[in-house]
């Protein structure tokens, strides 16, 4: 008789727990959407709601029949969340790589362009060196040579010369794109002698 009374009390205690409407169908829909379309947007809510739903089921607040649906929705939400994170990471990596390649290509193109302009200036300087004074030249000297105004600054960059002595001319070519250090613009320096380029250095 006492056992029957205890059993009746337990049943009354369980039945006295307030029941809530299940959100298992909503969790399932959010989980499916996270895998198919919305990713993190519906995946995280499906995950959080699924955990909460399963706790309430274990406490008897929600019927145990809803456990399978809630669990499937939660698992799909977790999968959708991690797939989204992986996709975002891949996208960011690909975008960064693409941006780096574009910057590198622009840098190389600009460096080639100022090198070509520097070569033109070198050619003019050597012609000046070999011309006589009567031909507006230097008569075996770079002294007096100036860069033509149209070559001092071009769409590729800017150019300056330094006459070290009558037989050696330095041409500084500074571009417009950032160089290898990512801070300063590309730069190429020519050391020009009467018959040749003694040195051509990529400074940046």
Protein backbone atom coordinates (compact mmCIF):
# COMPACT_ATOMS: atom_id res chain seq x y z
CA UNK A 1 0.00 0.00 0.00
CA UNK A 2 2.86 2.36 0.89
CA UNK A 3 4.62 1.54 -2.44
CA UNK A 4 1.44 2.35 -4.34
CA UNK A 5 1.20 5.73 -2.54
CA UNK A 6 4.85 6.56 -3.40
CA UNK A 7 4.26 5.57 -7.03
CA UNK A 8 1.17 7.73 -7.23
CA UNK A 9 3.11 10.66 -5.74
CA UNK A 10 5.89 10.23 -8.35
CA UNK A 11 3.35 10.20 -11.17
CA UNK A 12 1.68 13.28 -9.75
CA UNK A 13 5.11 14.98 -9.44
CA UNK A 14 6.02 14.28 -13.08
CA UNK A 15 2.61 15.25 -14.37
CA UNK A 16 2.83 18.48 -12.40
CA UNK A 17 5.86 19.69 -14.48
CA UNK A 18 4.55 22.42 -16.80
CA UNK A 19 4.66 21.44 -20.45
CA UNK A 20 6.00 23.75 -23.20
CA UNK A 21 5.31 23.76 -26.91
CA UNK A 22 8.13 22.06 -28.78
CA UNK A 23 10.36 24.00 -31.18
CA UNK A 24 11.73 20.84 -32.78
CA UNK A 25 10.16 21.55 -36.19
CA UNK A 26 11.58 25.09 -36.18
CA UNK A 27 14.99 23.69 -35.20
CA UNK A 28 14.82 21.19 -38.04
CA UNK A 29 13.91 23.89 -40.57
CA UNK A 30 16.73 26.15 -39.36
CA UNK A 31 19.17 23.23 -39.55
CA UNK A 32 18.14 22.36 -43.12
CA UNK A 33 18.41 26.01 -44.18
CA UNK A 34 21.88 26.29 -42.63
CA UNK A 35 23.13 23.43 -44.80
CA UNK A 36 21.40 24.57 -47.98
CA UNK A 37 21.44 28.34 -47.99
CA UNK A 38 21.82 30.46 -44.85
CA UNK A 39 24.83 28.88 -43.15
CA UNK A 40 25.76 30.68 -39.94
CA UNK A 41 22.59 32.80 -40.00
CA UNK A 42 20.33 29.84 -39.25
CA UNK A 43 22.97 27.29 -38.19
CA UNK A 44 23.88 28.96 -34.90
CA UNK A 45 20.22 29.45 -33.82
CA UNK A 46 19.49 25.80 -34.72
CA UNK A 47 22.48 24.71 -32.64
CA UNK A 48 21.56 26.81 -29.60
CA UNK A 49 17.84 26.01 -29.72
CA UNK A 50 18.62 22.32 -30.23
CA UNK A 51 20.76 22.16 -27.08
CA UNK A 52 18.06 23.98 -25.10
CA UNK A 53 15.30 21.75 -26.50
CA UNK A 54 17.17 18.54 -25.59
CA UNK A 55 17.68 19.79 -22.02
CA UNK A 56 13.97 20.52 -21.67
CA UNK A 57 13.13 17.07 -23.07
CA UNK A 58 15.44 15.43 -20.53
CA UNK A 59 13.65 17.38 -17.77
CA UNK A 60 10.26 16.30 -19.06
CA UNK A 61 9.19 19.83 -19.98
CA UNK A 62 8.82 18.81 -23.63
CA UNK A 63 7.60 15.37 -24.80
CA UNK A 64 10.37 12.89 -25.54
CA UNK A 65 8.80 12.21 -28.95
CA UNK A 66 10.29 15.53 -30.13
CA UNK A 67 13.87 14.50 -29.30
CA UNK A 68 14.72 12.94 -32.68
CA UNK A 69 13.49 15.93 -34.70
CA UNK A 70 15.26 18.40 -32.42
CA UNK A 71 18.49 16.38 -32.51
CA UNK A 72 18.49 16.14 -36.33
CA UNK A 73 17.90 19.90 -36.60
CA UNK A 74 20.67 20.65 -34.10
CA UNK A 75 23.15 18.38 -35.88
CA UNK A 76 22.31 19.95 -39.25
CA UNK A 77 22.80 23.38 -37.66
CA UNK A 78 26.24 22.36 -36.37
CA UNK A 79 27.20 20.99 -39.79
CA UNK A 80 25.91 24.11 -41.56
CA UNK A 81 27.81 26.36 -39.14
CA UNK A 82 31.13 24.59 -39.64
CA UNK A 83 30.64 24.39 -43.42
CA UNK A 84 30.04 28.15 -43.46
CA UNK A 85 33.16 28.80 -41.40
CA UNK A 86 35.21 26.63 -43.78
CA UNK A 87 33.71 28.39 -46.82
CA UNK A 88 34.40 31.85 -45.36
CA UNK A 89 37.99 30.85 -44.55
CA UNK A 90 38.51 29.54 -48.10
CA UNK A 91 36.97 32.70 -49.58
CA UNK A 92 39.16 35.00 -47.48
CA UNK A 93 42.28 33.00 -48.35
CA UNK A 94 41.44 33.00 -52.07
CA UNK A 95 40.64 36.72 -52.03
CA UNK A 96 43.88 37.54 -50.19
CA UNK A 97 45.88 35.41 -52.62
CA UNK A 98 44.19 37.03 -55.61
CA UNK A 99 44.82 40.50 -54.20
CA UNK A 100 48.45 39.64 -53.55
CA UNK A 101 48.88 38.35 -57.12
CA UNK A 102 47.31 41.51 -58.56
CA UNK A 103 49.53 43.74 -56.44
CA UNK A 104 52.59 41.75 -57.45
CA UNK A 105 51.64 41.97 -61.14
CA UNK A 106 51.11 45.75 -60.84
CA UNK A 107 54.46 46.13 -59.10
CA UNK A 108 56.32 44.17 -61.79
CA UNK A 109 54.53 46.04 -64.61
CA UNK A 110 55.40 49.41 -63.07
CA UNK A 111 59.00 48.38 -62.49
CA UNK A 112 59.31 47.28 -66.13
CA UNK A 113 57.79 50.58 -67.26
CA UNK A 114 60.19 52.79 -65.28
CA UNK A 115 63.08 50.58 -66.41
CA UNK A 116 62.06 51.27 -70.02
CA UNK A 117 61.84 55.01 -69.30
CA UNK A 118 65.23 54.88 -67.57
CA UNK A 119 66.69 53.14 -70.62
CA UNK A 120 65.39 55.95 -72.83
CA UNK A 121 67.02 58.53 -70.56
CA UNK A 122 70.26 56.55 -70.62
CA UNK A 123 70.21 56.48 -74.42
CA UNK A 124 69.71 60.26 -74.55
CA UNK A 125 72.53 60.77 -72.03
CA UNK A 126 74.95 58.64 -74.06
CA UNK A 127 74.02 60.48 -77.23
CA UNK A 128 74.64 63.78 -75.40
CA UNK A 129 78.03 62.46 -74.24
CA UNK A 130 79.21 61.70 -77.77
CA UNK A 131 77.93 64.89 -79.39
CA UNK A 132 80.07 67.96 -79.66
CA UNK A 133 79.25 71.28 -78.09
CA UNK A 134 78.21 72.61 -81.49
CA UNK A 135 75.62 69.78 -81.63
CA UNK A 136 74.37 70.68 -78.13
CA UNK A 137 76.31 67.78 -76.66
CA UNK A 138 78.82 67.28 -73.91
CA UNK A 139 81.92 66.50 -75.99
CA UNK A 140 82.90 63.32 -74.15
CA UNK A 141 81.24 64.35 -70.90
CA UNK A 142 77.88 63.86 -69.19
CA UNK A 143 78.24 67.27 -67.54
CA UNK A 144 75.46 69.59 -68.62
CA UNK A 145 73.02 66.82 -69.49
CA UNK A 146 69.47 67.31 -68.25
CA UNK A 147 66.45 65.05 -68.55
CA UNK A 148 63.95 66.32 -71.14
CA UNK A 149 60.93 67.83 -69.43
CA UNK A 150 58.53 65.24 -70.89
CA UNK A 151 60.59 62.46 -69.24
CA UNK A 152 61.05 64.04 -65.81
CA UNK A 153 57.63 62.81 -64.79
CA UNK A 154 55.53 60.30 -66.74
CA UNK A 155 52.47 58.16 -66.05
CA UNK A 156 54.90 55.48 -64.87
CA UNK A 157 56.92 57.50 -62.37
CA UNK A 158 59.46 60.27 -61.85
CA UNK A 159 63.17 60.45 -62.78
CA UNK A 160 66.26 62.26 -61.54
CA UNK A 161 69.91 62.20 -62.53
CA UNK A 162 73.13 62.65 -60.62
CA UNK A 163 76.33 63.33 -62.55
CA UNK A 164 79.07 61.67 -60.50
CA UNK A 165 81.80 62.71 -62.91
CA UNK A 166 82.15 63.36 -66.61
CA UNK A 167 82.09 59.62 -67.37
CA UNK A 168 79.48 58.39 -64.89
CA UNK A 169 75.81 59.25 -64.64
CA UNK A 170 73.28 57.95 -62.09
CA UNK A 171 69.59 57.73 -63.05
CA UNK A 172 67.05 57.29 -60.24
CA UNK A 173 63.72 55.89 -61.47
CA UNK A 174 60.88 55.93 -58.93
CA UNK A 175 57.55 54.31 -59.82
CA UNK A 176 54.01 54.74 -58.57
CA UNK A 177 53.26 51.24 -57.30
CA UNK A 178 54.44 50.01 -53.91
CA UNK A 179 57.61 47.96 -54.04
CA UNK A 180 58.67 44.76 -52.33
CA UNK A 181 58.68 46.30 -48.86
CA UNK A 182 55.01 47.28 -49.23
CA UNK A 183 55.77 50.81 -47.97
CA UNK A 184 57.90 52.65 -50.52
CA UNK A 185 57.38 52.82 -54.29
CA UNK A 186 59.30 50.68 -56.75
CA UNK A 187 62.73 52.04 -57.58
CA UNK A 188 65.37 51.22 -60.17
CA UNK A 189 68.82 52.85 -60.30
CA UNK A 190 71.01 52.96 -63.42
CA UNK A 191 74.73 53.63 -63.37
CA UNK A 192 75.56 54.77 -66.89
CA UNK A 193 78.93 55.00 -68.60
CA UNK A 194 79.56 56.36 -72.11
CA UNK A 195 79.28 52.98 -73.84
CA UNK A 196 77.27 50.85 -71.44
CA UNK A 197 75.20 50.45 -68.31
CA UNK A 198 77.72 49.59 -65.63
CA UNK A 199 75.00 48.67 -63.16
CA UNK A 200 71.21 48.44 -62.99
CA UNK A 201 69.84 47.85 -59.48
CA UNK A 202 66.29 47.11 -58.38
CA UNK A 203 66.22 48.99 -55.09
CA UNK A 204 62.60 48.22 -54.23
